């Protein structure tokens, strides 16, 4: 995330430099009364460089937003591991606290799950994770209350939630993300080649 955010700042500074250089080329046109070919060629190269920077800016910005999503998701998954350990050890009070943090991180990830480049399956996954956390909370509350009948009911619901979450094809999601960025990366590469030739 920080690399993408730093890249955006660098891209903006580079673009400002290219705008200034392009402006200077235009203002010096009168010095080349006979042939404008060199100036036109350099102006074209600067245009290609700016187009490449625009593609890079989009990539960096989108990947920064995606990075915030992944961070929230992975934090919530780490909290799930902690939660399972706490429940397994019988520390239900600590598990209740961890669950609250996990729900908050799932909500943060859900809010970011529609960021550019992220397929709709990730938003659906976050909805299912949110339902899982809510159902797990009901099961945990029943355990704390000593209500074994409700624990059994919620346990079945939690298992159904887990099965639904396990059905997501993470490889397919990764391929969709790569497919989103490929045209932008190709555009960047093409424009950089044109700018440096």
N, C-alpha and C. Protein backbone atom coordinates (compact mmCIF):
# COMPACT_ATOMS: atom_id res chain seq x y z
N UNK A 1 0.82 -1.18 0.00
CA UNK A 1 0.00 0.00 0.00
C UNK A 1 0.87 1.25 0.00
N UNK A 2 1.86 1.28 0.90
CA UNK A 2 2.70 2.47 0.97
C UNK A 2 3.51 2.66 -0.31
N UNK A 3 3.91 1.56 -0.96
CA UNK A 3 4.63 1.67 -2.23
C UNK A 3 3.74 2.31 -3.29
N UNK A 4 2.47 1.90 -3.34
CA UNK A 4 1.55 2.47 -4.33
C UNK A 4 1.28 3.94 -4.04
N UNK A 5 1.17 4.28 -2.75
CA UNK A 5 0.92 5.67 -2.39
C UNK A 5 2.14 6.54 -2.71
N UNK A 6 3.35 6.01 -2.45
CA UNK A 6 4.58 6.73 -2.79
C UNK A 6 4.71 6.85 -4.30
N UNK A 7 4.36 5.80 -5.02
CA UNK A 7 4.42 5.84 -6.48
C UNK A 7 3.52 6.93 -7.03
N UNK A 8 2.34 7.09 -6.44
CA UNK A 8 1.41 8.13 -6.90
C UNK A 8 2.03 9.51 -6.73
N UNK A 9 2.68 9.75 -5.60
CA UNK A 9 3.34 11.05 -5.38
C UNK A 9 4.45 11.27 -6.40
N UNK A 10 5.24 10.24 -6.65
CA UNK A 10 6.34 10.34 -7.61
C UNK A 10 5.79 10.59 -9.02
N UNK A 11 4.73 9.88 -9.37
CA UNK A 11 4.12 10.05 -10.69
C UNK A 11 3.61 11.47 -10.86
N UNK A 12 2.97 12.01 -9.83
CA UNK A 12 2.46 13.38 -9.92
C UNK A 12 3.60 14.38 -10.11
N UNK A 13 4.71 14.18 -9.40
CA UNK A 13 5.87 15.07 -9.55
C UNK A 13 6.46 14.94 -10.96
N UNK A 14 6.58 13.71 -11.44
CA UNK A 14 7.12 13.49 -12.79
C UNK A 14 6.22 14.12 -13.85
N UNK A 15 4.91 14.00 -13.66
CA UNK A 15 3.97 14.57 -14.62
C UNK A 15 4.10 16.09 -14.65
N UNK A 16 4.25 16.70 -13.48
CA UNK A 16 4.42 18.15 -13.43
C UNK A 16 5.69 18.56 -14.19
N UNK A 17 6.75 17.78 -14.06
CA UNK A 17 7.99 18.06 -14.79
C UNK A 17 7.77 17.95 -16.30
N UNK A 18 7.02 16.94 -16.72
CA UNK A 18 6.75 16.77 -18.16
C UNK A 18 5.88 17.90 -18.70
N UNK A 19 4.92 18.36 -17.92
CA UNK A 19 4.08 19.48 -18.34
C UNK A 19 4.95 20.72 -18.53
N UNK A 20 5.86 20.96 -17.59
CA UNK A 20 6.75 22.11 -17.69
C UNK A 20 7.65 22.00 -18.92
N UNK A 21 8.20 20.81 -19.16
CA UNK A 21 9.07 20.61 -20.33
C UNK A 21 8.29 20.80 -21.62
N UNK A 22 7.08 20.29 -21.67
CA UNK A 22 6.24 20.42 -22.86
C UNK A 22 5.92 21.89 -23.12
N UNK A 23 5.64 22.61 -22.07
CA UNK A 23 5.34 24.03 -22.21
C UNK A 23 6.55 24.80 -22.74
N UNK A 24 7.73 24.43 -22.26
CA UNK A 24 8.95 25.09 -22.73
C UNK A 24 9.20 24.80 -24.21
N UNK A 25 8.92 23.57 -24.62
CA UNK A 25 9.10 23.24 -26.04
C UNK A 25 8.19 24.10 -26.91
N UNK A 26 6.97 24.27 -26.48
CA UNK A 26 6.03 25.08 -27.25
C UNK A 26 6.46 26.53 -27.33
N UNK A 27 7.00 27.04 -26.24
CA UNK A 27 7.40 28.45 -26.23
C UNK A 27 8.68 28.71 -27.04
N UNK A 28 9.43 27.65 -27.32
CA UNK A 28 10.68 27.81 -28.09
C UNK A 28 10.48 27.57 -29.58
N UNK A 29 9.28 27.34 -30.01
CA UNK A 29 8.99 27.03 -31.40
C UNK A 29 9.49 28.12 -32.36
N UNK A 30 9.41 29.34 -31.97
CA UNK A 30 9.80 30.44 -32.85
C UNK A 30 11.30 30.43 -33.16
N UNK A 31 12.09 29.72 -32.30
CA UNK A 31 13.53 29.67 -32.54
C UNK A 31 13.90 28.76 -33.71
N UNK A 32 13.00 27.90 -34.11
CA UNK A 32 13.29 26.96 -35.20
C UNK A 32 12.41 27.29 -36.39
N UNK A 33 12.74 28.36 -37.05
CA UNK A 33 11.92 28.85 -38.15
C UNK A 33 11.80 27.85 -39.29
N UNK A 34 12.86 27.13 -39.59
CA UNK A 34 12.86 26.28 -40.76
C UNK A 34 12.23 24.93 -40.48
N UNK A 35 12.75 24.19 -39.51
CA UNK A 35 12.25 22.83 -39.26
C UNK A 35 11.74 22.67 -37.85
N UNK A 36 10.51 22.18 -37.77
CA UNK A 36 9.91 21.93 -36.46
C UNK A 36 9.90 20.44 -36.14
N UNK A 37 10.52 19.63 -36.98
CA UNK A 37 10.48 18.17 -36.81
C UNK A 37 10.99 17.70 -35.47
N UNK A 38 12.13 18.25 -35.04
CA UNK A 38 12.69 17.82 -33.75
C UNK A 38 11.79 18.21 -32.60
N UNK A 39 11.27 19.43 -32.65
CA UNK A 39 10.35 19.86 -31.59
C UNK A 39 9.08 19.03 -31.59
N UNK A 40 8.56 18.75 -32.76
CA UNK A 40 7.34 17.94 -32.85
C UNK A 40 7.58 16.53 -32.30
N UNK A 41 8.74 15.97 -32.64
CA UNK A 41 9.09 14.63 -32.16
C UNK A 41 9.20 14.62 -30.63
N UNK A 42 9.87 15.62 -30.07
CA UNK A 42 10.03 15.69 -28.61
C UNK A 42 8.68 15.95 -27.92
N UNK A 43 7.85 16.76 -28.55
CA UNK A 43 6.51 17.01 -27.99
C UNK A 43 5.71 15.72 -27.98
N UNK A 44 5.82 14.94 -29.05
CA UNK A 44 5.12 13.65 -29.13
C UNK A 44 5.64 12.69 -28.05
N UNK A 45 6.95 12.65 -27.87
CA UNK A 45 7.53 11.78 -26.85
C UNK A 45 7.05 12.18 -25.45
N UNK A 46 6.99 13.47 -25.21
CA UNK A 46 6.48 13.94 -23.91
C UNK A 46 5.01 13.55 -23.72
N UNK A 47 4.25 13.62 -24.80
CA UNK A 47 2.84 13.21 -24.73
C UNK A 47 2.71 11.73 -24.39
N UNK A 48 3.55 10.90 -25.01
CA UNK A 48 3.53 9.47 -24.70
C UNK A 48 3.94 9.22 -23.25
N UNK A 49 4.94 9.96 -22.79
CA UNK A 49 5.38 9.80 -21.39
C UNK A 49 4.27 10.18 -20.43
N UNK A 50 3.54 11.24 -20.74
CA UNK A 50 2.43 11.66 -19.86
C UNK A 50 1.31 10.63 -19.87
N UNK A 51 1.03 10.04 -21.03
CA UNK A 51 0.00 9.00 -21.11
C UNK A 51 0.43 7.78 -20.30
N UNK A 52 1.72 7.44 -20.37
CA UNK A 52 2.24 6.33 -19.56
C UNK A 52 2.09 6.64 -18.08
N UNK A 53 2.40 7.87 -17.70
CA UNK A 53 2.26 8.24 -16.29
C UNK A 53 0.80 8.20 -15.84
N UNK A 54 -0.11 8.55 -16.72
CA UNK A 54 -1.53 8.48 -16.36
C UNK A 54 -1.94 7.03 -16.10
N UNK A 55 -1.47 6.11 -16.93
CA UNK A 55 -1.75 4.69 -16.69
C UNK A 55 -1.12 4.24 -15.37
N UNK A 56 0.11 4.67 -15.13
CA UNK A 56 0.80 4.31 -13.88
C UNK A 56 0.07 4.89 -12.68
N UNK A 57 -0.43 6.12 -12.81
CA UNK A 57 -1.17 6.76 -11.72
C UNK A 57 -2.43 5.96 -11.40
N UNK A 58 -3.14 5.53 -12.42
CA UNK A 58 -4.35 4.73 -12.22
C UNK A 58 -4.01 3.41 -11.54
N UNK A 59 -2.97 2.74 -12.01
CA UNK A 59 -2.55 1.47 -11.41
C UNK A 59 -2.20 1.67 -9.94
N UNK A 60 -1.37 2.67 -9.66
CA UNK A 60 -0.92 2.90 -8.28
C UNK A 60 -2.09 3.24 -7.37
N UNK A 61 -2.98 4.09 -7.84
CA UNK A 61 -4.14 4.48 -7.04
C UNK A 61 -5.05 3.29 -6.76
N UNK A 62 -5.34 2.52 -7.80
CA UNK A 62 -6.22 1.36 -7.63
C UNK A 62 -5.58 0.31 -6.73
N UNK A 63 -4.28 0.08 -6.92
CA UNK A 63 -3.61 -0.93 -6.09
C UNK A 63 -3.51 -0.49 -4.64
N UNK A 64 -3.41 0.81 -4.39
CA UNK A 64 -3.41 1.29 -3.00
C UNK A 64 -4.75 0.99 -2.34
N UNK A 65 -5.85 1.26 -3.06
CA UNK A 65 -7.18 0.96 -2.52
C UNK A 65 -7.34 -0.55 -2.31
N UNK A 66 -6.88 -1.33 -3.29
CA UNK A 66 -6.95 -2.79 -3.16
C UNK A 66 -6.13 -3.26 -1.96
N UNK A 67 -4.98 -2.65 -1.76
CA UNK A 67 -4.12 -3.01 -0.64
C UNK A 67 -4.79 -2.78 0.71
N UNK A 68 -5.53 -1.70 0.82
CA UNK A 68 -6.28 -1.44 2.06
C UNK A 68 -7.33 -2.52 2.28
N UNK A 69 -7.97 -2.95 1.20
CA UNK A 69 -8.95 -4.05 1.31
C UNK A 69 -8.26 -5.30 1.83
N UNK A 70 -7.16 -5.71 1.15
CA UNK A 70 -6.49 -6.95 1.53
C UNK A 70 -5.98 -6.89 2.96
N UNK A 71 -5.50 -5.73 3.37
CA UNK A 71 -5.02 -5.59 4.75
C UNK A 71 -6.16 -5.87 5.74
N UNK A 72 -7.30 -5.24 5.53
CA UNK A 72 -8.44 -5.45 6.43
C UNK A 72 -8.90 -6.90 6.41
N UNK A 73 -8.93 -7.51 5.23
CA UNK A 73 -9.34 -8.91 5.13
C UNK A 73 -8.38 -9.81 5.90
N UNK A 74 -7.08 -9.64 5.68
CA UNK A 74 -6.11 -10.52 6.33
C UNK A 74 -6.06 -10.31 7.84
N UNK A 75 -6.27 -9.08 8.30
CA UNK A 75 -6.35 -8.84 9.74
C UNK A 75 -7.54 -9.59 10.32
N UNK A 76 -8.68 -9.54 9.63
CA UNK A 76 -9.87 -10.25 10.13
C UNK A 76 -9.64 -11.77 10.13
N UNK A 77 -8.92 -12.28 9.14
CA UNK A 77 -8.64 -13.73 9.11
C UNK A 77 -7.67 -14.12 10.23
N UNK A 78 -6.71 -13.25 10.54
CA UNK A 78 -5.81 -13.52 11.67
C UNK A 78 -6.61 -13.51 12.97
N UNK A 79 -7.56 -12.59 13.06
CA UNK A 79 -8.41 -12.54 14.26
C UNK A 79 -9.26 -13.80 14.36
N UNK A 80 -9.67 -14.36 13.23
CA UNK A 80 -10.44 -15.60 13.25
C UNK A 80 -9.59 -16.74 13.83
N UNK A 81 -8.33 -16.79 13.46
CA UNK A 81 -7.43 -17.80 14.02
C UNK A 81 -7.32 -17.64 15.53
N UNK A 82 -7.15 -16.40 15.97
CA UNK A 82 -7.08 -16.12 17.41
C UNK A 82 -8.38 -16.50 18.09
N UNK A 83 -9.49 -16.16 17.46
CA UNK A 83 -10.81 -16.47 18.00
C UNK A 83 -10.99 -17.97 18.19
N UNK A 84 -10.62 -18.74 17.18
CA UNK A 84 -10.74 -20.20 17.29
C UNK A 84 -9.88 -20.75 18.42
N UNK A 85 -8.68 -20.21 18.59
CA UNK A 85 -7.80 -20.64 19.69
C UNK A 85 -8.42 -20.30 21.04
N UNK A 86 -8.98 -19.11 21.14
CA UNK A 86 -9.58 -18.69 22.41
C UNK A 86 -10.79 -19.54 22.77
N UNK A 87 -11.63 -19.82 21.78
CA UNK A 87 -12.80 -20.67 22.03
C UNK A 87 -12.34 -22.07 22.41
N UNK A 88 -11.34 -22.58 21.69
CA UNK A 88 -10.81 -23.92 21.99
C UNK A 88 -10.24 -24.02 23.40
N UNK A 89 -9.67 -22.91 23.89
CA UNK A 89 -9.10 -22.89 25.23
C UNK A 89 -10.14 -22.56 26.30
N UNK A 90 -11.37 -22.27 25.86
CA UNK A 90 -12.44 -21.95 26.81
C UNK A 90 -12.42 -20.52 27.31
N UNK A 91 -11.63 -19.66 26.68
CA UNK A 91 -11.57 -18.25 27.09
C UNK A 91 -12.62 -17.46 26.30
N UNK A 92 -13.87 -17.62 26.69
CA UNK A 92 -14.98 -17.06 25.92
C UNK A 92 -15.05 -15.54 26.03
N UNK A 93 -14.63 -14.98 27.16
CA UNK A 93 -14.64 -13.51 27.30
C UNK A 93 -13.65 -12.88 26.31
N UNK A 94 -12.44 -13.45 26.22
CA UNK A 94 -11.45 -12.94 25.27
C UNK A 94 -11.94 -13.16 23.83
N UNK A 95 -12.58 -14.30 23.60
CA UNK A 95 -13.12 -14.59 22.27
C UNK A 95 -14.17 -13.55 21.88
N UNK A 96 -14.98 -13.14 22.82
CA UNK A 96 -16.02 -12.14 22.56
C UNK A 96 -15.37 -10.82 22.13
N UNK A 97 -14.29 -10.43 22.79
CA UNK A 97 -13.57 -9.20 22.45
C UNK A 97 -12.94 -9.32 21.05
N UNK A 98 -12.32 -10.46 20.79
CA UNK A 98 -11.69 -10.69 19.48
C UNK A 98 -12.74 -10.67 18.37
N UNK A 99 -13.90 -11.25 18.65
CA UNK A 99 -14.97 -11.28 17.65
C UNK A 99 -15.42 -9.86 17.29
N UNK A 100 -15.51 -8.99 18.29
CA UNK A 100 -15.91 -7.60 18.02
C UNK A 100 -14.90 -6.92 17.10
N UNK A 101 -13.61 -7.14 17.35
CA UNK A 101 -12.57 -6.57 16.49
C UNK A 101 -12.66 -7.16 15.08
N UNK A 102 -12.90 -8.46 15.01
CA UNK A 102 -13.00 -9.14 13.72
C UNK A 102 -14.17 -8.59 12.90
N UNK A 103 -15.31 -8.39 13.56
CA UNK A 103 -16.47 -7.83 12.86
C UNK A 103 -16.16 -6.44 12.30
N UNK A 104 -15.43 -5.65 13.07
CA UNK A 104 -15.06 -4.31 12.63
C UNK A 104 -14.15 -4.37 11.40
N UNK A 105 -13.18 -5.28 11.42
CA UNK A 105 -12.27 -5.41 10.28
C UNK A 105 -12.98 -5.99 9.05
N UNK A 106 -13.92 -6.88 9.26
CA UNK A 106 -14.71 -7.41 8.14
C UNK A 106 -15.54 -6.28 7.52
N UNK A 107 -16.12 -5.43 8.37
CA UNK A 107 -16.91 -4.30 7.86
C UNK A 107 -16.02 -3.35 7.07
N UNK A 108 -14.80 -3.11 7.56
CA UNK A 108 -13.87 -2.23 6.83
C UNK A 108 -13.51 -2.84 5.47
N UNK A 109 -13.25 -4.14 5.45
CA UNK A 109 -12.92 -4.81 4.19
C UNK A 109 -14.12 -4.79 3.25
N UNK A 110 -15.31 -5.00 3.79
CA UNK A 110 -16.52 -4.99 2.96
C UNK A 110 -16.71 -3.63 2.29
N UNK A 111 -16.43 -2.56 3.04
CA UNK A 111 -16.57 -1.22 2.49
C UNK A 111 -15.58 -0.97 1.35
N UNK A 112 -14.45 -1.66 1.38
CA UNK A 112 -13.41 -1.49 0.35
C UNK A 112 -13.49 -2.54 -0.75
N UNK A 113 -14.39 -3.50 -0.62
CA UNK A 113 -14.43 -4.64 -1.53
C UNK A 113 -14.92 -4.30 -2.93
N UNK A 114 -15.40 -3.10 -3.13
CA UNK A 114 -15.82 -2.68 -4.47
C UNK A 114 -14.78 -1.75 -5.11
N UNK A 115 -13.58 -1.73 -4.54
CA UNK A 115 -12.50 -0.91 -5.11
C UNK A 115 -12.20 -1.36 -6.54
N UNK A 116 -11.69 -0.44 -7.37
CA UNK A 116 -11.36 -0.81 -8.75
C UNK A 116 -10.41 -2.00 -8.79
N UNK A 117 -10.68 -2.91 -9.69
CA UNK A 117 -9.81 -4.08 -9.85
C UNK A 117 -10.22 -5.28 -9.04
N UNK A 118 -11.12 -5.09 -8.08
CA UNK A 118 -11.55 -6.22 -7.26
C UNK A 118 -12.86 -6.77 -7.83
N UNK A 119 -12.89 -8.08 -8.12
CA UNK A 119 -14.10 -8.67 -8.70
C UNK A 119 -15.25 -8.70 -7.69
N UNK A 120 -16.46 -8.79 -8.21
CA UNK A 120 -17.66 -8.77 -7.38
C UNK A 120 -17.71 -9.94 -6.40
N UNK A 121 -17.00 -11.02 -6.71
CA UNK A 121 -16.97 -12.16 -5.80
C UNK A 121 -16.39 -11.78 -4.44
N UNK A 122 -15.48 -10.82 -4.42
CA UNK A 122 -14.90 -10.41 -3.14
C UNK A 122 -15.92 -9.68 -2.28
N UNK A 123 -16.79 -8.91 -2.91
CA UNK A 123 -17.85 -8.26 -2.13
C UNK A 123 -18.81 -9.31 -1.58
N UNK A 124 -19.13 -10.30 -2.40
CA UNK A 124 -20.00 -11.39 -1.94
C UNK A 124 -19.32 -12.17 -0.81
N UNK A 125 -18.02 -12.40 -0.94
CA UNK A 125 -17.27 -13.09 0.12
C UNK A 125 -17.34 -12.30 1.42
N UNK A 126 -17.21 -10.99 1.34
CA UNK A 126 -17.26 -10.17 2.55
C UNK A 126 -18.65 -10.21 3.18
N UNK A 127 -19.68 -10.27 2.35
CA UNK A 127 -21.04 -10.40 2.88
C UNK A 127 -21.18 -11.73 3.61
N UNK A 128 -20.62 -12.79 3.03
CA UNK A 128 -20.69 -14.11 3.66
C UNK A 128 -19.83 -14.17 4.93
N UNK A 129 -18.68 -13.51 4.92
CA UNK A 129 -17.85 -13.46 6.14
C UNK A 129 -18.56 -12.69 7.25
N UNK A 130 -19.24 -11.64 6.87
CA UNK A 130 -20.00 -10.86 7.85
C UNK A 130 -21.12 -11.70 8.46
N UNK A 131 -21.81 -12.47 7.63
CA UNK A 131 -22.86 -13.37 8.14
C UNK A 131 -22.26 -14.43 9.05
N UNK A 132 -21.10 -14.97 8.66
CA UNK A 132 -20.41 -15.95 9.49
C UNK A 132 -20.08 -15.36 10.87
N UNK A 133 -19.53 -14.14 10.88
CA UNK A 133 -19.15 -13.50 12.15
C UNK A 133 -20.38 -13.27 13.02
N UNK A 134 -21.49 -12.86 12.40
CA UNK A 134 -22.72 -12.64 13.17
C UNK A 134 -23.23 -13.95 13.76
N UNK A 135 -23.23 -15.00 12.95
CA UNK A 135 -23.69 -16.31 13.43
C UNK A 135 -22.74 -16.88 14.49
N UNK A 136 -21.45 -16.68 14.29
CA UNK A 136 -20.47 -17.14 15.29
C UNK A 136 -20.70 -16.40 16.60
N UNK A 137 -21.04 -15.12 16.50
CA UNK A 137 -21.34 -14.33 17.70
C UNK A 137 -22.55 -14.87 18.44
N UNK A 138 -23.57 -15.28 17.71
CA UNK A 138 -24.75 -15.87 18.34
C UNK A 138 -24.39 -17.18 19.03
N UNK A 139 -23.57 -17.98 18.37
CA UNK A 139 -23.13 -19.24 18.96
C UNK A 139 -22.31 -18.97 20.23
N UNK A 140 -21.42 -17.99 20.16
CA UNK A 140 -20.59 -17.64 21.30
C UNK A 140 -21.44 -17.14 22.47
N UNK A 141 -22.42 -16.30 22.17
CA UNK A 141 -23.32 -15.81 23.22
C UNK A 141 -24.07 -16.97 23.88
N UNK A 142 -24.49 -17.93 23.07
CA UNK A 142 -25.19 -19.10 23.61
C UNK A 142 -24.25 -19.92 24.48
N UNK A 143 -22.99 -20.04 24.08
CA UNK A 143 -22.01 -20.76 24.89
C UNK A 143 -21.80 -20.06 26.23
N UNK A 144 -21.66 -18.74 26.18
CA UNK A 144 -21.46 -17.97 27.41
C UNK A 144 -22.66 -18.13 28.33
N UNK A 145 -23.87 -18.18 27.75
CA UNK A 145 -25.10 -18.32 28.55
C UNK A 145 -25.34 -19.76 29.00
N UNK A 146 -24.57 -20.70 28.47
CA UNK A 146 -24.75 -22.11 28.82
C UNK A 146 -25.98 -22.73 28.18
N UNK A 147 -26.41 -22.18 27.05
CA UNK A 147 -27.61 -22.65 26.35
C UNK A 147 -27.18 -23.65 25.27
N UNK A 148 -27.06 -24.91 25.67
CA UNK A 148 -26.55 -25.95 24.77
C UNK A 148 -27.44 -26.18 23.54
N UNK A 149 -28.75 -26.05 23.70
CA UNK A 149 -29.66 -26.25 22.57
C UNK A 149 -29.41 -25.19 21.49
N UNK A 150 -29.26 -23.93 21.91
CA UNK A 150 -29.00 -22.86 20.95
C UNK A 150 -27.61 -22.99 20.33
N UNK A 151 -26.65 -23.45 21.14
CA UNK A 151 -25.30 -23.67 20.62
C UNK A 151 -25.35 -24.65 19.45
N UNK A 152 -26.11 -25.73 19.60
CA UNK A 152 -26.22 -26.74 18.55
C UNK A 152 -26.84 -26.15 17.28
N UNK A 153 -27.86 -25.32 17.45
CA UNK A 153 -28.52 -24.70 16.29
C UNK A 153 -27.54 -23.76 15.58
N UNK A 154 -26.88 -22.90 16.35
CA UNK A 154 -25.96 -21.94 15.74
C UNK A 154 -24.72 -22.61 15.17
N UNK A 155 -24.32 -23.71 15.77
CA UNK A 155 -23.16 -24.45 15.26
C UNK A 155 -23.43 -24.94 13.83
N UNK A 156 -24.65 -25.41 13.59
CA UNK A 156 -25.01 -25.85 12.24
C UNK A 156 -25.01 -24.67 11.26
N UNK A 157 -25.48 -23.52 11.73
CA UNK A 157 -25.50 -22.33 10.88
C UNK A 157 -24.08 -21.88 10.56
N UNK A 158 -23.21 -21.91 11.57
CA UNK A 158 -21.81 -21.51 11.37
C UNK A 158 -21.13 -22.46 10.39
N UNK A 159 -21.41 -23.74 10.50
CA UNK A 159 -20.81 -24.71 9.56
C UNK A 159 -21.30 -24.47 8.13
N UNK A 160 -22.57 -24.11 7.99
CA UNK A 160 -23.10 -23.79 6.66
C UNK A 160 -22.42 -22.54 6.10
N UNK A 161 -22.19 -21.55 6.98
CA UNK A 161 -21.48 -20.33 6.56
C UNK A 161 -20.06 -20.67 6.09
N UNK A 162 -19.39 -21.54 6.83
CA UNK A 162 -18.03 -21.94 6.47
C UNK A 162 -18.00 -22.67 5.12
N UNK A 163 -18.98 -23.51 4.89
CA UNK A 163 -19.05 -24.22 3.60
C UNK A 163 -19.24 -23.24 2.45
N UNK A 164 -20.07 -22.23 2.67
CA UNK A 164 -20.32 -21.22 1.64
C UNK A 164 -19.03 -20.44 1.34
N UNK A 165 -18.30 -20.09 2.39
CA UNK A 165 -17.06 -19.34 2.22
C UNK A 165 -16.00 -20.19 1.51
N UNK A 166 -15.95 -21.46 1.84
CA UNK A 166 -14.96 -22.37 1.23
C UNK A 166 -15.20 -22.58 -0.26
N UNK A 167 -16.40 -22.28 -0.73
CA UNK A 167 -16.74 -22.52 -2.14
C UNK A 167 -16.15 -21.46 -3.08
N UNK A 168 -15.65 -20.36 -2.54
CA UNK A 168 -15.10 -19.31 -3.42
C UNK A 168 -13.81 -19.80 -4.07
N UNK A 169 -13.67 -19.51 -5.35
CA UNK A 169 -12.49 -19.91 -6.13
C UNK A 169 -11.47 -18.77 -6.09
N UNK A 170 -10.53 -18.87 -5.17
CA UNK A 170 -9.55 -17.81 -4.97
C UNK A 170 -8.65 -17.65 -6.20
N UNK A 171 -8.33 -18.75 -6.88
CA UNK A 171 -7.52 -18.66 -8.10
C UNK A 171 -8.24 -17.86 -9.18
N UNK A 172 -9.54 -18.08 -9.31
CA UNK A 172 -10.34 -17.34 -10.29
C UNK A 172 -10.36 -15.85 -9.95
N UNK A 173 -10.51 -15.56 -8.66
CA UNK A 173 -10.51 -14.16 -8.23
C UNK A 173 -9.17 -13.51 -8.56
N UNK A 174 -8.07 -14.22 -8.29
CA UNK A 174 -6.74 -13.70 -8.62
C UNK A 174 -6.57 -13.45 -10.11
N UNK A 175 -7.10 -14.36 -10.92
CA UNK A 175 -7.01 -14.20 -12.38
C UNK A 175 -7.82 -12.99 -12.85
N UNK A 176 -8.98 -12.76 -12.23
CA UNK A 176 -9.80 -11.60 -12.60
C UNK A 176 -9.10 -10.29 -12.24
N UNK A 177 -8.42 -10.28 -11.11
CA UNK A 177 -7.68 -9.08 -10.72
C UNK A 177 -6.55 -8.82 -11.71
N UNK A 178 -5.80 -9.87 -12.06
CA UNK A 178 -4.71 -9.73 -13.04
C UNK A 178 -5.25 -9.25 -14.38
N UNK A 179 -6.41 -9.76 -14.79
CA UNK A 179 -7.01 -9.36 -16.07
C UNK A 179 -7.43 -7.89 -16.05
N UNK A 180 -7.84 -7.40 -14.90
CA UNK A 180 -8.22 -5.99 -14.79
C UNK A 180 -7.00 -5.08 -15.04
N UNK A 181 -5.87 -5.45 -14.46
CA UNK A 181 -4.69 -4.59 -14.55
C UNK A 181 -3.90 -4.77 -15.85
N UNK A 182 -4.06 -5.89 -16.54
CA UNK A 182 -3.26 -6.17 -17.73
C UNK A 182 -3.37 -5.07 -18.80
N UNK A 183 -4.57 -4.60 -19.17
CA UNK A 183 -4.62 -3.55 -20.20
C UNK A 183 -3.91 -2.26 -19.76
N UNK A 184 -4.01 -1.93 -18.48
CA UNK A 184 -3.33 -0.73 -17.99
C UNK A 184 -1.82 -0.89 -18.04
N UNK A 185 -1.35 -2.07 -17.66
CA UNK A 185 0.09 -2.34 -17.70
C UNK A 185 0.57 -2.35 -19.15
N UNK A 186 -0.21 -2.96 -20.04
CA UNK A 186 0.15 -2.97 -21.47
C UNK A 186 0.19 -1.56 -22.03
N UNK A 187 -0.79 -0.73 -21.65
CA UNK A 187 -0.81 0.66 -22.11
C UNK A 187 0.43 1.40 -21.61
N UNK A 188 0.75 1.21 -20.34
CA UNK A 188 1.94 1.85 -19.78
C UNK A 188 3.19 1.44 -20.57
N UNK A 189 3.36 0.14 -20.76
CA UNK A 189 4.55 -0.36 -21.48
C UNK A 189 4.62 0.18 -22.90
N UNK A 190 3.49 0.20 -23.58
CA UNK A 190 3.44 0.71 -24.96
C UNK A 190 3.81 2.19 -25.02
N UNK A 191 3.25 2.97 -24.11
CA UNK A 191 3.51 4.41 -24.11
C UNK A 191 4.95 4.73 -23.70
N UNK A 192 5.49 3.97 -22.77
CA UNK A 192 6.90 4.17 -22.37
C UNK A 192 7.82 3.85 -23.55
N UNK A 193 7.49 2.79 -24.27
CA UNK A 193 8.29 2.43 -25.45
C UNK A 193 8.25 3.57 -26.47
N UNK A 194 7.05 4.12 -26.71
CA UNK A 194 6.91 5.23 -27.66
C UNK A 194 7.63 6.48 -27.16
N UNK A 195 7.63 6.69 -25.86
CA UNK A 195 8.27 7.89 -25.29
C UNK A 195 9.78 7.80 -25.34
N UNK A 196 10.31 6.59 -25.34
CA UNK A 196 11.78 6.44 -25.29
C UNK A 196 12.39 6.06 -26.63
N UNK A 197 11.57 5.95 -27.66
CA UNK A 197 12.13 5.57 -28.97
C UNK A 197 12.44 6.78 -29.82
